[in-house]
């Protein structure tokens, strides 16, 4: 097993938004770092960010509440 030394890699949010796509519809995503969430407005899903890592599994997604859809 490889051991990583040094600080964790930092990802630029704009670069990450360009790389990631919704696993359900393959559409664009919005990253909300301050609340550790990634939103897909097309599917109305919220994907969590846990320990700094996006969890891009449809089974782990939550519905996007109506008051947070705009």
N, C-alpha and C. Protein backbone atom coordinates (compact mmCIF):
# COMPACT_ATOMS: atom_id res chain seq x y z
N UNK A 1 0.85 -1.18 0.00
CA UNK A 1 0.00 0.00 0.00
C UNK A 1 0.89 1.24 0.00
N UNK A 2 0.54 2.21 -0.82
CA UNK A 2 1.31 3.44 -0.88
C UNK A 2 0.93 4.36 0.26
N UNK A 3 1.93 4.97 0.84
CA UNK A 3 1.68 5.92 1.92
C UNK A 3 1.94 7.32 1.39
N UNK A 4 0.98 8.19 1.58
CA UNK A 4 1.10 9.56 1.11
C UNK A 4 1.64 10.42 2.23
N UNK A 5 2.65 11.21 1.90
CA UNK A 5 3.23 12.11 2.90
C UNK A 5 2.95 13.55 2.50
N UNK A 6 2.82 14.40 3.50
CA UNK A 6 2.58 15.80 3.25
C UNK A 6 1.11 16.15 3.36
N UNK A 7 0.78 17.41 3.10
CA UNK A 7 -0.60 17.87 3.24
C UNK A 7 -1.49 17.27 2.16
N UNK A 8 -2.80 17.19 2.40
CA UNK A 8 -3.71 16.67 1.39
C UNK A 8 -3.73 17.57 0.16
N UNK A 9 -4.04 16.99 -0.99
CA UNK A 9 -4.11 17.77 -2.22
C UNK A 9 -5.31 18.70 -2.16
N UNK A 10 -5.10 19.92 -2.55
CA UNK A 10 -6.21 20.88 -2.61
C UNK A 10 -6.72 20.94 -4.04
N UNK A 11 -8.01 20.87 -4.20
CA UNK A 11 -8.60 20.97 -5.52
C UNK A 11 -9.27 22.32 -5.67
N UNK A 12 -9.05 22.94 -6.80
CA UNK A 12 -9.69 24.20 -7.12
C UNK A 12 -11.15 23.91 -7.45
N UNK A 13 -12.07 24.64 -6.85
CA UNK A 13 -13.50 24.38 -7.02
C UNK A 13 -13.91 24.52 -8.48
N UNK A 14 -13.43 25.53 -9.17
CA UNK A 14 -13.83 25.71 -10.57
C UNK A 14 -13.31 24.56 -11.44
N UNK A 15 -12.12 24.05 -11.15
CA UNK A 15 -11.59 22.89 -11.87
C UNK A 15 -12.42 21.65 -11.57
N UNK A 16 -12.80 21.49 -10.32
CA UNK A 16 -13.60 20.35 -9.92
C UNK A 16 -14.98 20.38 -10.59
N UNK A 17 -15.58 21.57 -10.68
CA UNK A 17 -16.88 21.70 -11.35
C UNK A 17 -16.78 21.30 -12.82
N UNK A 18 -15.64 21.59 -13.45
CA UNK A 18 -15.45 21.21 -14.85
C UNK A 18 -15.28 19.70 -15.02
N UNK A 19 -14.71 19.04 -14.02
CA UNK A 19 -14.43 17.61 -14.11
C UNK A 19 -15.62 16.74 -13.73
N UNK A 20 -16.38 17.16 -12.72
CA UNK A 20 -17.47 16.34 -12.22
C UNK A 20 -18.75 16.52 -13.03
N UNK A 21 -19.51 15.44 -13.12
CA UNK A 21 -20.83 15.48 -13.73
C UNK A 21 -21.76 14.67 -12.85
N UNK A 22 -23.03 14.96 -12.92
CA UNK A 22 -24.01 14.22 -12.15
C UNK A 22 -23.99 12.76 -12.60
N UNK A 23 -23.88 11.82 -11.66
CA UNK A 23 -23.85 10.41 -12.04
C UNK A 23 -25.18 9.91 -12.58
N UNK A 24 -26.26 10.64 -12.33
CA UNK A 24 -27.58 10.22 -12.80
C UNK A 24 -27.88 10.75 -14.20
N UNK A 25 -27.75 12.08 -14.38
CA UNK A 25 -28.13 12.69 -15.67
C UNK A 25 -26.93 13.15 -16.50
N UNK A 26 -25.74 13.08 -15.92
CA UNK A 26 -24.49 13.53 -16.57
C UNK A 26 -24.46 15.04 -16.78
N UNK A 27 -25.32 15.77 -16.07
CA UNK A 27 -25.40 17.22 -16.21
C UNK A 27 -24.42 17.97 -15.31
N UNK A 28 -24.49 19.28 -15.40
CA UNK A 28 -23.62 20.17 -14.62
C UNK A 28 -24.00 20.15 -13.14
N UNK A 29 -23.01 20.43 -12.31
CA UNK A 29 -23.19 20.45 -10.87
C UNK A 29 -22.78 21.79 -10.30
N UNK A 30 -23.31 22.12 -9.14
CA UNK A 30 -22.91 23.32 -8.40
C UNK A 30 -22.28 22.86 -7.09
N UNK A 31 -21.06 23.29 -6.84
CA UNK A 31 -20.37 22.92 -5.61
C UNK A 31 -20.56 24.02 -4.58
N UNK A 32 -21.04 23.63 -3.40
CA UNK A 32 -21.26 24.55 -2.29
C UNK A 32 -20.36 24.12 -1.14
N UNK A 33 -19.11 24.59 -1.18
CA UNK A 33 -18.11 24.21 -0.18
C UNK A 33 -18.53 24.56 1.24
N UNK A 34 -19.15 25.70 1.41
CA UNK A 34 -19.47 26.19 2.75
C UNK A 34 -20.43 25.26 3.49
N UNK A 35 -21.22 24.49 2.75
CA UNK A 35 -22.17 23.58 3.38
C UNK A 35 -21.88 22.12 3.03
N UNK A 36 -20.72 21.87 2.42
CA UNK A 36 -20.28 20.51 2.07
C UNK A 36 -21.31 19.75 1.25
N UNK A 37 -21.77 20.41 0.17
CA UNK A 37 -22.76 19.80 -0.71
C UNK A 37 -22.46 20.10 -2.16
N UNK A 38 -22.91 19.20 -3.02
CA UNK A 38 -22.88 19.39 -4.46
C UNK A 38 -24.31 19.22 -4.96
N UNK A 39 -24.81 20.20 -5.71
CA UNK A 39 -26.20 20.17 -6.15
C UNK A 39 -26.29 19.90 -7.64
N UNK A 40 -27.23 19.04 -8.01
CA UNK A 40 -27.63 18.87 -9.40
C UNK A 40 -29.04 19.43 -9.50
N UNK A 41 -29.18 20.56 -10.15
CA UNK A 41 -30.49 21.20 -10.25
C UNK A 41 -31.40 20.42 -11.21
N UNK A 42 -30.84 19.79 -12.23
CA UNK A 42 -31.66 19.03 -13.19
C UNK A 42 -32.33 17.84 -12.51
N UNK A 43 -31.60 17.11 -11.69
CA UNK A 43 -32.14 15.94 -10.99
C UNK A 43 -32.74 16.29 -9.64
N UNK A 44 -32.48 17.52 -9.18
CA UNK A 44 -32.92 17.98 -7.86
C UNK A 44 -32.35 17.09 -6.76
N UNK A 45 -31.02 16.85 -6.86
CA UNK A 45 -30.33 16.01 -5.88
C UNK A 45 -29.20 16.77 -5.22
N UNK A 46 -28.90 16.38 -3.98
CA UNK A 46 -27.76 16.90 -3.23
C UNK A 46 -26.81 15.73 -2.98
N UNK A 47 -25.56 15.89 -3.40
CA UNK A 47 -24.53 14.91 -3.12
C UNK A 47 -23.66 15.46 -1.99
N UNK A 48 -23.37 14.65 -0.99
CA UNK A 48 -22.58 15.16 0.15
C UNK A 48 -21.09 15.23 -0.17
N UNK A 49 -20.42 16.10 0.56
CA UNK A 49 -18.95 16.13 0.57
C UNK A 49 -18.56 15.70 1.98
N UNK A 50 -17.88 14.57 2.09
CA UNK A 50 -17.48 14.04 3.39
C UNK A 50 -15.97 13.99 3.49
N UNK A 51 -15.45 14.57 4.54
CA UNK A 51 -13.99 14.62 4.75
C UNK A 51 -13.28 15.19 3.52
N UNK A 52 -13.91 16.16 2.89
CA UNK A 52 -13.31 16.83 1.74
C UNK A 52 -13.44 16.08 0.43
N UNK A 53 -14.14 14.94 0.42
CA UNK A 53 -14.29 14.14 -0.79
C UNK A 53 -15.75 14.11 -1.25
N UNK A 54 -16.00 14.39 -2.54
CA UNK A 54 -17.36 14.32 -3.04
C UNK A 54 -17.84 12.87 -3.07
N UNK A 55 -19.03 12.62 -2.57
CA UNK A 55 -19.63 11.29 -2.61
C UNK A 55 -20.64 11.31 -3.76
N UNK A 56 -20.21 10.86 -4.93
CA UNK A 56 -21.00 10.96 -6.14
C UNK A 56 -21.75 9.66 -6.42
N UNK A 57 -22.51 9.20 -5.44
CA UNK A 57 -23.31 7.99 -5.57
C UNK A 57 -24.78 8.38 -5.47
N UNK A 58 -25.57 7.96 -6.45
CA UNK A 58 -27.00 8.31 -6.46
C UNK A 58 -27.67 7.79 -5.19
N UNK A 59 -27.27 6.62 -4.71
CA UNK A 59 -27.86 6.06 -3.49
C UNK A 59 -27.55 6.89 -2.24
N UNK A 60 -26.51 7.69 -2.27
CA UNK A 60 -26.13 8.54 -1.14
C UNK A 60 -26.70 9.96 -1.26
N UNK A 61 -27.31 10.27 -2.39
CA UNK A 61 -27.85 11.62 -2.62
C UNK A 61 -29.16 11.82 -1.86
N UNK A 62 -29.44 13.07 -1.56
CA UNK A 62 -30.68 13.46 -0.89
C UNK A 62 -31.45 14.38 -1.84
N UNK A 63 -32.77 14.45 -1.71
CA UNK A 63 -33.53 15.37 -2.54
C UNK A 63 -33.21 16.83 -2.21
N UNK A 64 -33.18 17.65 -3.21
CA UNK A 64 -32.95 19.09 -3.04
C UNK A 64 -34.28 19.71 -2.62
N UNK A 65 -34.35 20.29 -1.40
CA UNK A 65 -35.61 20.88 -0.93
C UNK A 65 -36.06 22.03 -1.82
N UNK A 66 -37.34 22.24 -1.89
CA UNK A 66 -37.93 23.28 -2.73
C UNK A 66 -37.38 24.66 -2.40
N UNK A 67 -37.10 24.93 -1.12
CA UNK A 67 -36.61 26.26 -0.74
C UNK A 67 -35.15 26.49 -1.13
N UNK A 68 -34.45 25.47 -1.62
CA UNK A 68 -33.06 25.62 -2.05
C UNK A 68 -32.89 25.37 -3.53
N UNK A 69 -33.97 25.44 -4.30
CA UNK A 69 -33.91 25.15 -5.72
C UNK A 69 -33.68 26.37 -6.58
N UNK A 70 -33.68 27.55 -6.02
CA UNK A 70 -33.50 28.74 -6.86
C UNK A 70 -32.08 29.25 -6.79
